Amino acid sequence: MSSTRSLWLRLLPIVGASAVLAAACGSPPTTGDGGGGREGASDGGGVSAEDCPVAALDEADGPVEVELWFGGLVEPASTTLLDLVDAFNESQDQVVVRADNQGVAYAEVLRKYNGAASTPAQLPDAIYLEDTALGEMVDKGQVLPSQACMLADDYDLDQITASARASYEVDGVYYPGYTNVSSPILYFNKAHFQKADIDPSAAPLTIAELEETARKLKAAGVSDKPLSFLTNEWFFNTWLAGAGVDTVDNDNGRDAPPTAATFDTPEAVEILETLQRMNDEGLLNVFPVTDGSIDHYLAVISEESSMLIETSTASGTIAAALGGELSSETTGQAGIDLDAAAIGGANLVPGSAEVPGLDAPGQVYASGGAFYMLNTGADAEQAGAWEFMKFMLQPENAKRWHLQGGYIPVVKEAINDPEVLDFQRNELDGVLLKPSVDQLGAADPDRTGPLIGPYTDVQEVMRSMLESVLLSGADPAEALASAQAEATEILENYNE
């Protein structure tokens, strides 16, 4: 119908949300000035203020041009970045940042970076990549650790949230200049919950409860395949980390470069068996990860599905597509008036909750994207890149990333800002985003995601495993064993 088509069109900007990183083959070249590999000492001992040439900016003749590559940012985050670049350029006269969009997917940025990595003169001064690229970037030795610049400029690293620091530190050294943090959350249709006699204020807390909720929704006839599910290894890794299970050895790659995959565990078998059982019962709407695909969102829009696990950054797009301003009708709990809540001709009343886990909800780690400064350019360009990162680290700009871009604040001062709190209480996208804020605020910094150099290759193995179980009916235990062996071989080849 026309209203559904209109919603589809409003969802099109989300095409970057499921971007796939390009595969990397073999150990990366080391061409940067800072040395490659995992050589940093613990507690930040691997960097010093001398590693960041902040004084070079004052010695430059005229404005310094800083090239920034980015991609994979969907609206409104892409516009937020460009607005911040304009604001920075207008705020001072020493540095001019030029933001170059490399495509709709993180993968496109990484592909271009890998193509130019062996010839540093072709590289930008700063680059925005998905969090999973951290291991590869550090191994290449081409990143200027922001911690060095923080030491040189007396910026207190303790201003960064614990969850962000835990995810982006390698051997005690904090690398990104700024991080856009997100996490998976559960989106659901409150109207469907009420029709199925499920309390919309009591979302499922565990994977087992998620299965039971889906069963009730299907039995009530409100959705054909209640849970729309993307075969993204991010969700799988999040569930494992929440249960204290590492994807790879050496403390999930945090103590030392990983040498073997370790995800073939009873917890992993339980996750896959539950998902397969749900799929067999028609409770799951399975979608493979494909660049640019939004089919898993459209399943909820069309009311074929009632629930969706996806990134918290989708909150703004979902809010824009489903309802505009927050009202008692769209956020009402058990007492939703379905007639009043009908949006665009469909009973779509968006809600969100902390992502269900194996044992408890909200057991996540900081994911998202990161802005890295490269050490391959002139000193003045490195100093200019830091000036822009420092600008984004200002509480007002960290707040802007949250209010406009849909990312979780990583600067502590911005978290309890009155405008931020009001946004999370009174605007639909803020209300949808709040569960991610809460679960990241309570995240255990000792439970981080995997730090893997050849992450993209391991990623493809894990996604293929999920697809084989859910789309081809493979035995979960056998699929896990095979995937773990293949991932271990990738790590061994990378480490040679």
Protein backbone atom coordinates (compact mmCIF):
# COMPACT_ATOMS: atom_id res chain seq x y z
CA MET A 1 0.00 0.00 0.00
CA SER A 2 1.09 3.61 -0.48
CA SER A 3 1.83 4.27 3.20
CA THR A 4 4.18 1.29 3.37
CA ARG A 5 5.92 2.40 0.17
CA SER A 6 6.42 5.83 1.72
CA LEU A 7 8.02 4.25 4.77
CA TRP A 8 10.29 2.20 2.53
CA LEU A 9 11.52 5.36 0.85
CA ARG A 10 12.21 7.00 4.19
CA LEU A 11 14.24 3.98 5.25
CA LEU A 12 16.54 4.00 2.23
CA PRO A 13 19.27 6.08 3.96
CA ILE A 14 19.95 3.13 6.25
CA VAL A 15 21.68 1.19 3.49
CA GLY A 16 25.05 1.56 5.17
CA ALA A 17 23.99 -0.09 8.42
CA SER A 18 24.82 -3.59 7.26
CA ALA A 19 28.04 -2.85 5.42
CA VAL A 20 30.55 -5.68 5.12
CA LEU A 21 34.24 -5.04 5.51
CA ALA A 22 36.46 -6.16 2.65
CA ALA A 23 38.63 -9.23 3.16
CA ALA A 24 42.29 -8.78 4.01
CA CYS A 25 44.80 -11.43 2.97
CA GLY A 26 47.95 -12.20 4.92
CA SER A 27 49.96 -10.07 7.29
CA PRO A 28 49.70 -6.34 6.49
CA PRO A 29 52.62 -4.19 5.36
CA THR A 30 54.22 -1.88 7.88
CA THR A 31 54.93 1.50 6.34
CA GLY A 32 54.12 4.00 9.05
CA ASP A 33 56.52 6.01 11.15
CA GLY A 34 55.29 4.59 14.43
CA GLY A 35 56.34 0.96 14.00
CA GLY A 36 54.02 -1.94 13.29
CA GLY A 37 52.64 -4.77 15.30
CA ARG A 38 51.67 -5.17 18.92
CA GLU A 39 54.69 -3.64 20.66
CA GLY A 40 53.08 -1.16 23.01
CA ALA A 41 53.68 -1.73 26.71
CA SER A 42 50.79 -1.98 29.13
CA ASP A 43 49.17 1.04 30.77
CA GLY A 44 50.04 3.35 27.90
CA GLY A 45 53.78 2.88 28.29
CA GLY A 46 54.17 2.41 24.55
CA VAL A 47 53.53 6.07 23.71
CA SER A 48 54.83 9.44 24.82
CA ALA A 49 54.03 13.07 24.14
CA GLU A 50 56.98 13.22 21.75
CA ASP A 51 55.16 10.85 19.39
CA CYS A 52 52.61 13.55 18.50
CA PRO A 53 54.06 16.62 16.70
CA VAL A 54 51.56 19.15 18.04
CA ALA A 55 54.06 22.04 17.73
CA ALA A 56 54.32 21.56 13.96
CA LEU A 57 51.03 23.34 13.42
CA ASP A 58 52.36 26.65 14.72
CA GLU A 59 55.41 26.31 12.49
CA ALA A 60 53.38 25.80 9.30
CA ASP A 61 53.21 28.44 6.58
CA GLY A 62 49.52 29.13 6.09
CA PRO A 63 46.54 26.86 6.73
CA VAL A 64 47.23 23.13 6.84
CA GLU A 65 44.91 20.94 4.77
CA VAL A 66 43.78 17.70 6.41
CA GLU A 67 42.16 15.04 4.26
CA LEU A 68 39.59 12.81 5.98
CA TRP A 69 38.24 9.65 4.38
CA PHE A 70 34.92 8.35 5.62
CA GLY A 71 32.08 6.09 4.57
CA GLY A 72 29.46 3.81 6.06
CA LEU A 73 27.73 6.68 7.84
CA VAL A 74 23.99 6.72 7.22
CA GLU A 75 21.74 9.70 7.69
CA PRO A 76 21.58 11.64 9.87
CA ALA A 77 25.13 10.76 10.99
CA SER A 78 26.70 11.64 7.62
CA THR A 79 25.25 15.14 7.73
CA THR A 80 26.32 15.48 11.36
CA LEU A 81 29.94 14.81 10.38
CA LEU A 82 29.86 17.29 7.51
CA ASP A 83 28.29 19.91 9.77
CA LEU A 84 31.04 19.37 12.35
CA VAL A 85 33.70 19.70 9.66
CA ASP A 86 32.18 23.01 8.54
CA ALA A 87 31.93 24.23 12.13
CA PHE A 88 35.57 23.32 12.80
CA ASN A 89 36.81 25.03 9.65
CA GLU A 90 34.91 28.18 10.57
CA SER A 91 36.14 28.15 14.18
CA GLN A 92 39.84 28.70 13.41
CA ASP A 93 42.23 29.56 10.58
CA GLN A 94 45.11 27.10 11.02
CA VAL A 95 43.52 23.92 9.66
CA VAL A 96 41.12 23.13 6.82
CA VAL A 97 39.56 19.67 6.94
CA ARG A 98 38.33 18.19 3.67
CA ALA A 99 35.95 15.28 4.23
CA ASP A 100 35.86 12.84 1.32
CA ASN A 101 33.00 10.32 1.29
CA GLN A 102 34.34 7.02 -0.04
CA GLY A 103 30.97 5.25 -0.25
CA VAL A 104 27.93 3.95 1.60
CA ALA A 105 29.79 1.06 3.28
CA TYR A 106 32.70 0.85 5.70
CA ALA A 107 34.04 -1.83 3.35
CA GLU A 108 34.62 0.71 0.58
CA VAL A 109 36.76 2.89 2.83
CA LEU A 110 38.80 -0.07 4.02
CA ARG A 111 39.29 -1.32 0.45
CA LYS A 112 40.62 2.05 -0.66
CA TYR A 113 42.87 2.28 2.39
CA ASN A 114 44.32 -1.18 1.82
CA GLY A 115 44.93 -0.32 -1.82
CA ALA A 116 46.98 2.73 -0.84
CA ALA A 117 48.62 1.47 2.36
CA SER A 118 51.88 0.47 0.67
CA THR A 119 52.26 3.97 -0.83
CA PRO A 120 51.73 6.33 2.12
CA ALA A 121 51.71 9.45 -0.06
CA GLN A 122 48.30 8.35 -1.35
CA LEU A 123 46.80 8.02 2.12
CA PRO A 124 44.64 10.62 3.87
CA ASP A 125 45.58 12.26 7.14
CA ALA A 126 42.62 10.77 9.00
CA ILE A 127 40.23 7.93 8.30
CA TYR A 128 36.90 6.72 9.69
CA LEU A 129 36.50 2.94 9.91
CA GLU A 130 34.35 0.37 11.66
CA ASP A 131 35.51 -0.70 15.13
CA THR A 132 36.43 -4.16 13.82
CA ALA A 133 39.29 -2.67 11.77
CA LEU A 134 41.26 -1.71 14.91
CA GLY A 135 43.46 -4.82 14.94
CA GLU A 136 44.43 -4.46 11.29
CA MET A 137 45.12 -0.74 11.65
CA VAL A 138 47.40 -1.26 14.64
CA ASP A 139 49.22 -4.12 12.90
CA LYS A 140 49.96 -1.91 9.89
CA GLY A 141 51.72 0.60 12.12
CA GLN A 142 50.20 3.59 10.33
CA VAL A 143 48.05 5.00 13.15
CA LEU A 144 49.14 7.92 15.30
CA PRO A 145 47.77 6.92 18.72
CA SER A 146 45.58 9.68 20.05
CA GLN A 147 46.90 8.96 23.53
CA ALA A 148 50.24 10.43 22.44
CA CYS A 149 48.49 13.64 21.37
CA MET A 150 46.48 13.69 24.59
CA LEU A 151 49.72 13.53 26.55
CA ALA A 152 51.24 16.28 24.43
CA ASP A 153 48.18 18.50 24.80
CA ASP A 154 47.29 17.75 28.43
CA TYR A 155 43.97 16.14 27.50
CA ASP A 156 42.76 13.87 30.29
CA LEU A 157 42.07 10.40 28.88
CA ASP A 158 39.82 9.73 31.87
CA GLN A 159 37.23 11.96 30.19
CA ILE A 160 36.55 9.03 27.82
CA THR A 161 34.01 6.45 29.00
CA ALA A 162 35.27 3.12 30.31
CA SER A 163 33.48 1.06 27.66
CA ALA A 164 35.00 3.07 24.79
CA ARG A 165 38.47 2.89 26.29
CA ALA A 166 38.21 -0.86 26.83
CA SER A 167 37.21 -1.49 23.22
CA TYR A 168 39.76 0.83 21.61
CA GLU A 169 42.85 0.29 23.73
CA VAL A 170 45.55 -2.06 22.45
CA ASP A 171 48.31 -3.05 24.85
CA GLY A 172 47.35 -0.18 27.11
CA VAL A 173 47.43 2.42 24.33
CA TYR A 174 44.28 4.29 23.24
CA TYR A 175 44.26 4.73 19.46
CA PRO A 176 41.26 6.60 17.96
CA GLY A 177 40.97 10.36 17.98
CA TYR A 178 37.21 10.10 18.34
CA THR A 179 34.83 7.15 18.49
CA ASN A 180 31.22 6.84 17.43
CA VAL A 181 29.92 4.23 19.86
CA SER A 182 26.87 2.04 19.32
CA SER A 183 25.52 -1.35 20.37
CA PRO A 184 22.85 -3.81 19.26
CA ILE A 185 19.40 -3.31 20.78
CA LEU A 186 15.98 -4.89 20.34
CA TYR A 187 13.42 -2.93 18.33
CA PHE A 188 9.82 -4.12 18.55
CA ASN A 189 6.30 -3.15 17.55
CA LYS A 190 4.37 -2.30 20.71
CA ALA A 191 1.06 -2.57 18.89
CA HIS A 192 1.82 -6.18 17.98
CA PHE A 193 2.76 -6.93 21.57
CA GLN A 194 -0.55 -5.63 22.84
CA LYS A 195 -2.51 -7.54 20.19
CA ALA A 196 -0.77 -10.73 21.35
CA ASP A 197 -1.56 -9.91 24.99
CA ILE A 198 2.12 -9.24 25.76
CA ASP A 199 2.97 -6.32 28.04
CA PRO A 200 4.76 -3.76 25.81
CA SER A 201 6.68 -2.54 28.85
CA ALA A 202 8.16 -6.00 29.49
CA ALA A 203 10.38 -6.81 26.51
CA PRO A 204 12.16 -10.19 26.51
CA LEU A 205 15.31 -10.22 28.63
CA THR A 206 17.02 -13.39 27.40
CA ILE A 207 17.28 -15.34 24.18
CA ALA A 208 14.96 -17.95 25.70
CA GLU A 209 12.38 -15.24 26.45
CA LEU A 210 12.88 -13.87 22.95
CA GLU A 211 11.93 -17.29 21.58
CA GLU A 212 8.85 -17.50 23.80
CA THR A 213 7.75 -13.97 22.87
CA ALA A 214 8.09 -14.82 19.18
CA ARG A 215 6.02 -17.94 19.74
CA LYS A 216 3.22 -15.91 21.36
CA LEU A 217 3.25 -13.35 18.56
CA LYS A 218 2.96 -16.05 15.92
CA ALA A 219 0.22 -17.89 17.81
CA ALA A 220 -1.77 -14.66 18.04
CA GLY A 221 -1.48 -14.21 14.29
CA VAL A 222 -0.07 -10.68 14.47
CA SER A 223 3.09 -11.47 12.48
CA ASP A 224 4.04 -14.37 10.25
CA LYS A 225 7.74 -14.53 11.21
CA PRO A 226 8.01 -12.52 14.44
CA LEU A 227 11.79 -11.94 14.69
CA SER A 228 13.58 -10.35 11.74
CA PHE A 229 17.17 -11.58 12.03
CA LEU A 230 20.27 -10.56 10.09
CA THR A 231 23.06 -13.17 10.01
CA ASN A 232 25.57 -10.68 11.39
CA GLU A 233 28.43 -12.14 13.43
CA TRP A 234 28.34 -8.94 15.53
CA PHE A 235 25.24 -10.20 17.33
CA PHE A 236 26.82 -13.63 17.82
CA ASN A 237 30.06 -12.14 19.20
CA THR A 238 28.05 -9.85 21.48
CA TRP A 239 26.11 -12.78 22.93
CA LEU A 240 29.33 -14.73 23.48
CA ALA A 241 31.14 -11.81 25.13
CA GLY A 242 28.13 -11.20 27.37
CA ALA A 243 28.35 -14.80 28.54
CA GLY A 244 32.09 -14.49 29.18
CA VAL A 245 33.10 -16.47 26.09
CA ASP A 246 35.93 -15.23 23.87
CA THR A 247 35.83 -15.47 20.09
CA VAL A 248 39.62 -15.94 19.94
CA ASP A 249 42.37 -16.81 22.42
CA ASN A 250 44.71 -14.49 24.33
CA ASP A 251 41.84 -12.77 26.12
CA ASN A 252 39.96 -12.19 22.88
CA GLY A 253 43.14 -10.88 21.29
CA ARG A 254 43.63 -8.24 23.99
CA ASP A 255 46.65 -9.74 25.76
CA ALA A 256 48.46 -10.66 22.55
CA PRO A 257 47.65 -11.24 18.89
CA PRO A 258 45.25 -14.19 18.68
CA THR A 259 46.55 -17.52 17.45
CA ALA A 260 43.36 -19.61 17.50
CA ALA A 261 39.58 -19.24 17.40
CA THR A 262 37.76 -20.31 20.58
CA PHE A 263 34.06 -19.76 19.84
CA ASP A 264 33.10 -23.46 19.60
CA THR A 265 31.62 -23.67 23.10
CA PRO A 266 28.43 -24.97 24.76
CA GLU A 267 27.15 -21.38 24.88
CA ALA A 268 27.63 -21.00 21.13
CA VAL A 269 25.87 -24.30 20.49
CA GLU A 270 22.95 -23.13 22.65
CA ILE A 271 22.65 -19.89 20.69
CA LEU A 272 22.67 -21.62 17.32
CA GLU A 273 20.30 -24.37 18.41
CA THR A 274 17.83 -21.79 19.70
CA LEU A 275 17.99 -19.78 16.48
CA GLN A 276 17.63 -22.90 14.36
CA ARG A 277 14.67 -24.10 16.40
CA MET A 278 13.02 -20.70 16.02
CA ASN A 279 13.63 -20.84 12.30
CA ASP A 280 12.20 -24.34 12.02
CA GLU A 281 9.04 -23.17 13.81
CA GLY A 282 8.64 -20.18 11.53
CA LEU A 283 9.51 -17.72 14.30
CA LEU A 284 12.56 -16.31 12.52
CA ASN A 285 12.75 -14.17 9.40
CA VAL A 286 16.34 -14.77 8.26
CA PHE A 287 18.28 -12.35 6.06
CA PRO A 288 21.91 -12.79 4.93
CA VAL A 289 24.23 -9.80 5.25
CA THR A 290 24.35 -7.99 1.90
CA ASP A 291 25.82 -4.55 1.21
CA GLY A 292 23.02 -2.02 1.06
CA SER A 293 20.17 -4.40 1.89
CA ILE A 294 17.37 -3.11 4.11
CA ASP A 295 15.09 -6.13 3.75
CA HIS A 296 15.32 -6.98 7.45
CA TYR A 297 13.99 -3.50 8.29
CA LEU A 298 11.25 -3.72 5.70
CA ALA A 299 10.05 -6.97 7.26
CA VAL A 300 9.11 -4.96 10.36
CA ILE A 301 7.71 -2.04 8.37
CA SER A 302 5.44 -4.39 6.41
CA GLU A 303 4.38 -6.08 9.68
CA GLU A 304 5.65 -9.46 8.50
CA SER A 305 7.85 -9.33 11.62
CA SER A 306 7.34 -7.74 15.02
CA MET A 307 10.90 -7.60 16.37
CA LEU A 308 14.36 -6.74 15.07
CA ILE A 309 17.86 -6.87 16.55
CA GLU A 310 19.96 -4.09 15.04
CA THR A 311 22.37 -1.25 15.77
CA SER A 312 21.29 1.53 18.09
CA THR A 313 22.23 4.06 15.41
CA ALA A 314 19.17 2.98 13.44
CA SER A 315 16.99 4.69 16.06
CA GLY A 316 16.93 8.02 14.24
CA THR A 317 15.96 6.52 10.90
CA ILE A 318 13.33 4.28 12.46
CA ALA A 319 11.88 7.22 14.37
CA ALA A 320 11.77 9.33 11.21
CA ALA A 321 10.12 6.53 9.27
CA LEU A 322 7.58 5.56 11.89
CA GLY A 323 6.25 8.59 13.58
CA GLY A 324 7.92 11.95 13.96
CA GLU A 325 7.17 13.55 17.31
CA LEU A 326 6.87 11.54 20.50
CA SER A 327 3.33 11.28 21.84
CA SER A 328 1.44 9.37 24.47
CA GLU A 329 0.06 7.17 21.71
CA THR A 330 3.44 6.15 20.31
CA THR A 331 5.13 5.58 23.66
CA GLY A 332 2.24 4.39 25.78
CA GLN A 333 2.97 1.15 27.55
CA ALA A 334 0.23 -1.37 28.33
CA GLY A 335 -2.53 1.11 27.55
CA ILE A 336 -1.85 1.81 23.89
CA ASP A 337 -4.90 3.00 21.97
CA LEU A 338 -4.36 1.05 18.75
CA ASP A 339 -6.66 3.26 16.70
CA ALA A 340 -4.85 6.41 17.78
CA ALA A 341 -1.47 4.72 17.39
CA ALA A 342 -1.97 3.75 13.76
CA ILE A 343 0.90 5.36 11.85
CA GLY A 344 0.75 5.76 8.10
CA GLY A 345 -2.17 3.38 7.87
CA ALA A 346 -0.35 0.58 9.70
CA ASN A 347 -0.30 -0.40 13.37
CA LEU A 348 3.37 0.39 13.86
CA VAL A 349 4.29 1.67 17.31
CA PRO A 350 8.08 1.52 17.73
CA GLY A 351 9.67 0.48 20.98
CA SER A 352 13.16 -0.59 21.98
CA ALA A 353 14.88 -2.48 24.77
CA GLU A 354 18.28 -3.72 25.81
CA VAL A 355 19.39 -6.59 23.62
CA PRO A 356 18.42 -9.98 25.11
CA GLY A 357 21.37 -12.11 26.21
CA LEU A 358 21.98 -15.69 27.16
CA ASP A 359 21.53 -15.01 30.87
CA ALA A 360 20.60 -11.33 31.12
CA PRO A 361 19.89 -8.35 28.84
CA GLY A 362 22.25 -5.55 27.92
CA GLN A 363 25.53 -7.48 28.06
CA VAL A 364 27.33 -5.59 25.30
CA TYR A 365 30.63 -3.93 24.46
CA ALA A 366 31.30 -0.64 22.70
CA SER A 367 31.09 -1.02 18.93
CA GLY A 368 30.58 1.50 16.16
CA GLY A 369 33.21 3.43 14.26
CA ALA A 370 36.43 5.29 14.95
CA PHE A 371 38.33 8.24 13.54
CA TYR A 372 42.03 7.42 13.27
CA MET A 373 44.89 9.83 12.64
CA LEU A 374 47.56 8.42 10.33
CA ASN A 375 51.28 8.93 10.92
CA THR A 376 52.17 8.75 7.23
CA GLY A 377 51.86 12.46 6.41
CA ALA A 378 53.87 15.53 7.31
CA ASP A 379 54.08 16.58 10.96
CA ALA A 380 51.88 19.62 10.36
CA GLU A 381 49.16 17.43 8.85
CA GLN A 382 49.30 15.06 11.83
CA ALA A 383 49.02 18.03 14.18
CA GLY A 384 46.12 19.38 12.13
CA ALA A 385 44.31 16.05 12.30
CA TRP A 386 44.65 16.11 16.08
CA GLU A 387 43.16 19.61 16.21
CA PHE A 388 40.04 18.29 14.50
CA MET A 389 39.85 15.27 16.80
CA LYS A 390 40.21 17.57 19.79
CA PHE A 391 37.35 19.65 18.42
CA MET A 392 35.07 16.60 18.24
CA LEU A 393 36.07 15.65 21.79
CA GLN A 394 34.63 18.90 23.13
CA PRO A 395 31.52 18.01 25.19
CA GLU A 396 29.25 20.16 23.01
CA ASN A 397 30.32 18.29 19.89
CA ALA A 398 30.17 14.88 21.55
CA LYS A 399 26.63 15.86 22.51
CA ARG A 400 25.93 16.79 18.90
CA TRP A 401 27.00 13.33 17.74
CA HIS A 402 24.37 11.93 20.12
CA LEU A 403 21.49 14.32 19.51
CA GLN A 404 21.88 14.52 15.73
CA GLY A 405 23.94 11.50 14.74
CA GLY A 406 22.43 8.80 16.93
CA TYR A 407 25.70 7.68 18.56
CA ILE A 408 26.30 7.22 22.28
CA PRO A 409 28.40 9.93 23.99
CA VAL A 410 31.96 8.83 24.78
CA VAL A 411 32.87 12.05 26.61
CA LYS A 412 31.66 11.73 30.19
CA GLU A 413 30.71 15.39 30.56
CA ALA A 414 28.12 15.03 27.78
CA ILE A 415 26.31 12.03 29.28
CA ASN A 416 24.32 13.88 31.95
CA ASP A 417 23.88 17.11 30.02
CA PRO A 418 20.28 18.37 30.54
CA GLU A 419 19.67 18.57 26.80
CA VAL A 420 20.84 14.97 26.38
CA LEU A 421 18.60 13.74 29.19
CA ASP A 422 15.62 15.65 27.79
CA PHE A 423 16.26 14.13 24.35
CA GLN A 424 16.22 10.63 25.82
CA ARG A 425 12.94 11.31 27.62
CA ASN A 426 10.91 13.35 25.16
CA GLU A 427 11.95 12.66 21.57
CA LEU A 428 11.14 9.41 19.82
CA ASP A 429 14.64 8.76 18.49
CA GLY A 430 16.08 9.56 21.93
CA VAL A 431 13.63 7.21 23.65
CA LEU A 432 14.55 4.44 21.20
CA LEU A 433 18.25 5.14 21.79
CA LYS A 434 18.07 5.12 25.60
CA PRO A 435 18.47 1.32 26.09
CA SER A 436 21.82 1.48 24.31
CA VAL A 437 22.92 4.34 26.57
CA ASP A 438 21.97 2.31 29.63
CA GLN A 439 23.57 -0.96 28.60
CA LEU A 440 26.82 0.68 27.49
CA GLY A 441 26.93 2.67 30.72
CA ALA A 442 26.77 -0.58 32.66
CA ALA A 443 29.04 -2.56 30.32
CA ASP A 444 31.78 -4.65 31.89
CA PRO A 445 35.09 -3.27 30.51
CA ASP A 446 36.63 -6.71 30.94
CA ARG A 447 34.22 -8.12 28.35
CA THR A 448 35.26 -6.56 25.06
CA GLY A 449 34.81 -7.62 21.47
CA PRO A 450 37.48 -9.60 19.64
CA LEU A 451 40.65 -7.79 18.53
CA ILE A 452 41.67 -9.57 15.34
CA GLY A 453 44.08 -8.44 12.61
CA PRO A 454 42.42 -10.43 9.78
CA TYR A 455 38.96 -9.63 11.14
CA THR A 456 37.27 -9.45 7.76
CA ASP A 457 38.32 -12.99 6.85
CA VAL A 458 37.20 -14.37 10.21
CA GLN A 459 34.01 -12.34 9.88
CA GLU A 460 33.13 -14.03 6.60
CA VAL A 461 33.69 -17.46 8.15
CA MET A 462 31.36 -16.70 11.04
CA ARG A 463 28.68 -15.22 8.81
CA SER A 464 28.86 -18.27 6.55
CA MET A 465 28.44 -20.45 9.63
CA LEU A 466 25.30 -18.58 10.66
CA GLU A 467 23.90 -18.81 7.15
CA SER A 468 24.64 -22.53 6.90
CA VAL A 469 22.72 -23.20 10.12
CA LEU A 470 19.78 -20.90 9.45
CA LEU A 471 19.45 -21.06 5.67
CA SER A 472 20.79 -24.54 4.85
CA GLY A 473 19.88 -26.48 7.99
CA ALA A 474 23.45 -27.41 8.96
CA ASP A 475 24.00 -29.07 12.33
CA PRO A 476 25.01 -26.31 14.80
CA ALA A 477 27.76 -28.33 16.51
CA GLU A 478 29.29 -29.41 13.21
CA ALA A 479 29.06 -25.92 11.74
CA LEU A 480 30.78 -24.43 14.79
CA ALA A 481 33.61 -26.97 14.74
CA SER A 482 34.22 -26.41 11.03
CA ALA A 483 34.10 -22.61 11.34
CA GLN A 484 36.47 -22.59 14.31
CA ALA A 485 39.01 -24.70 12.42
CA GLU A 486 38.79 -22.42 9.39
CA ALA A 487 39.13 -19.27 11.50
CA THR A 488 42.14 -20.72 13.31
CA GLU A 489 43.82 -21.44 9.98
CA ILE A 490 43.25 -17.81 8.94
CA LEU A 491 44.91 -16.59 12.15
CA GLU A 492 47.85 -18.95 11.72
CA ASN A 493 48.44 -17.78 8.15
CA TYR A 494 48.17 -14.14 9.20
CA ASN A 495 50.71 -14.58 11.98
CA GLU A 496 53.34 -16.22 9.75
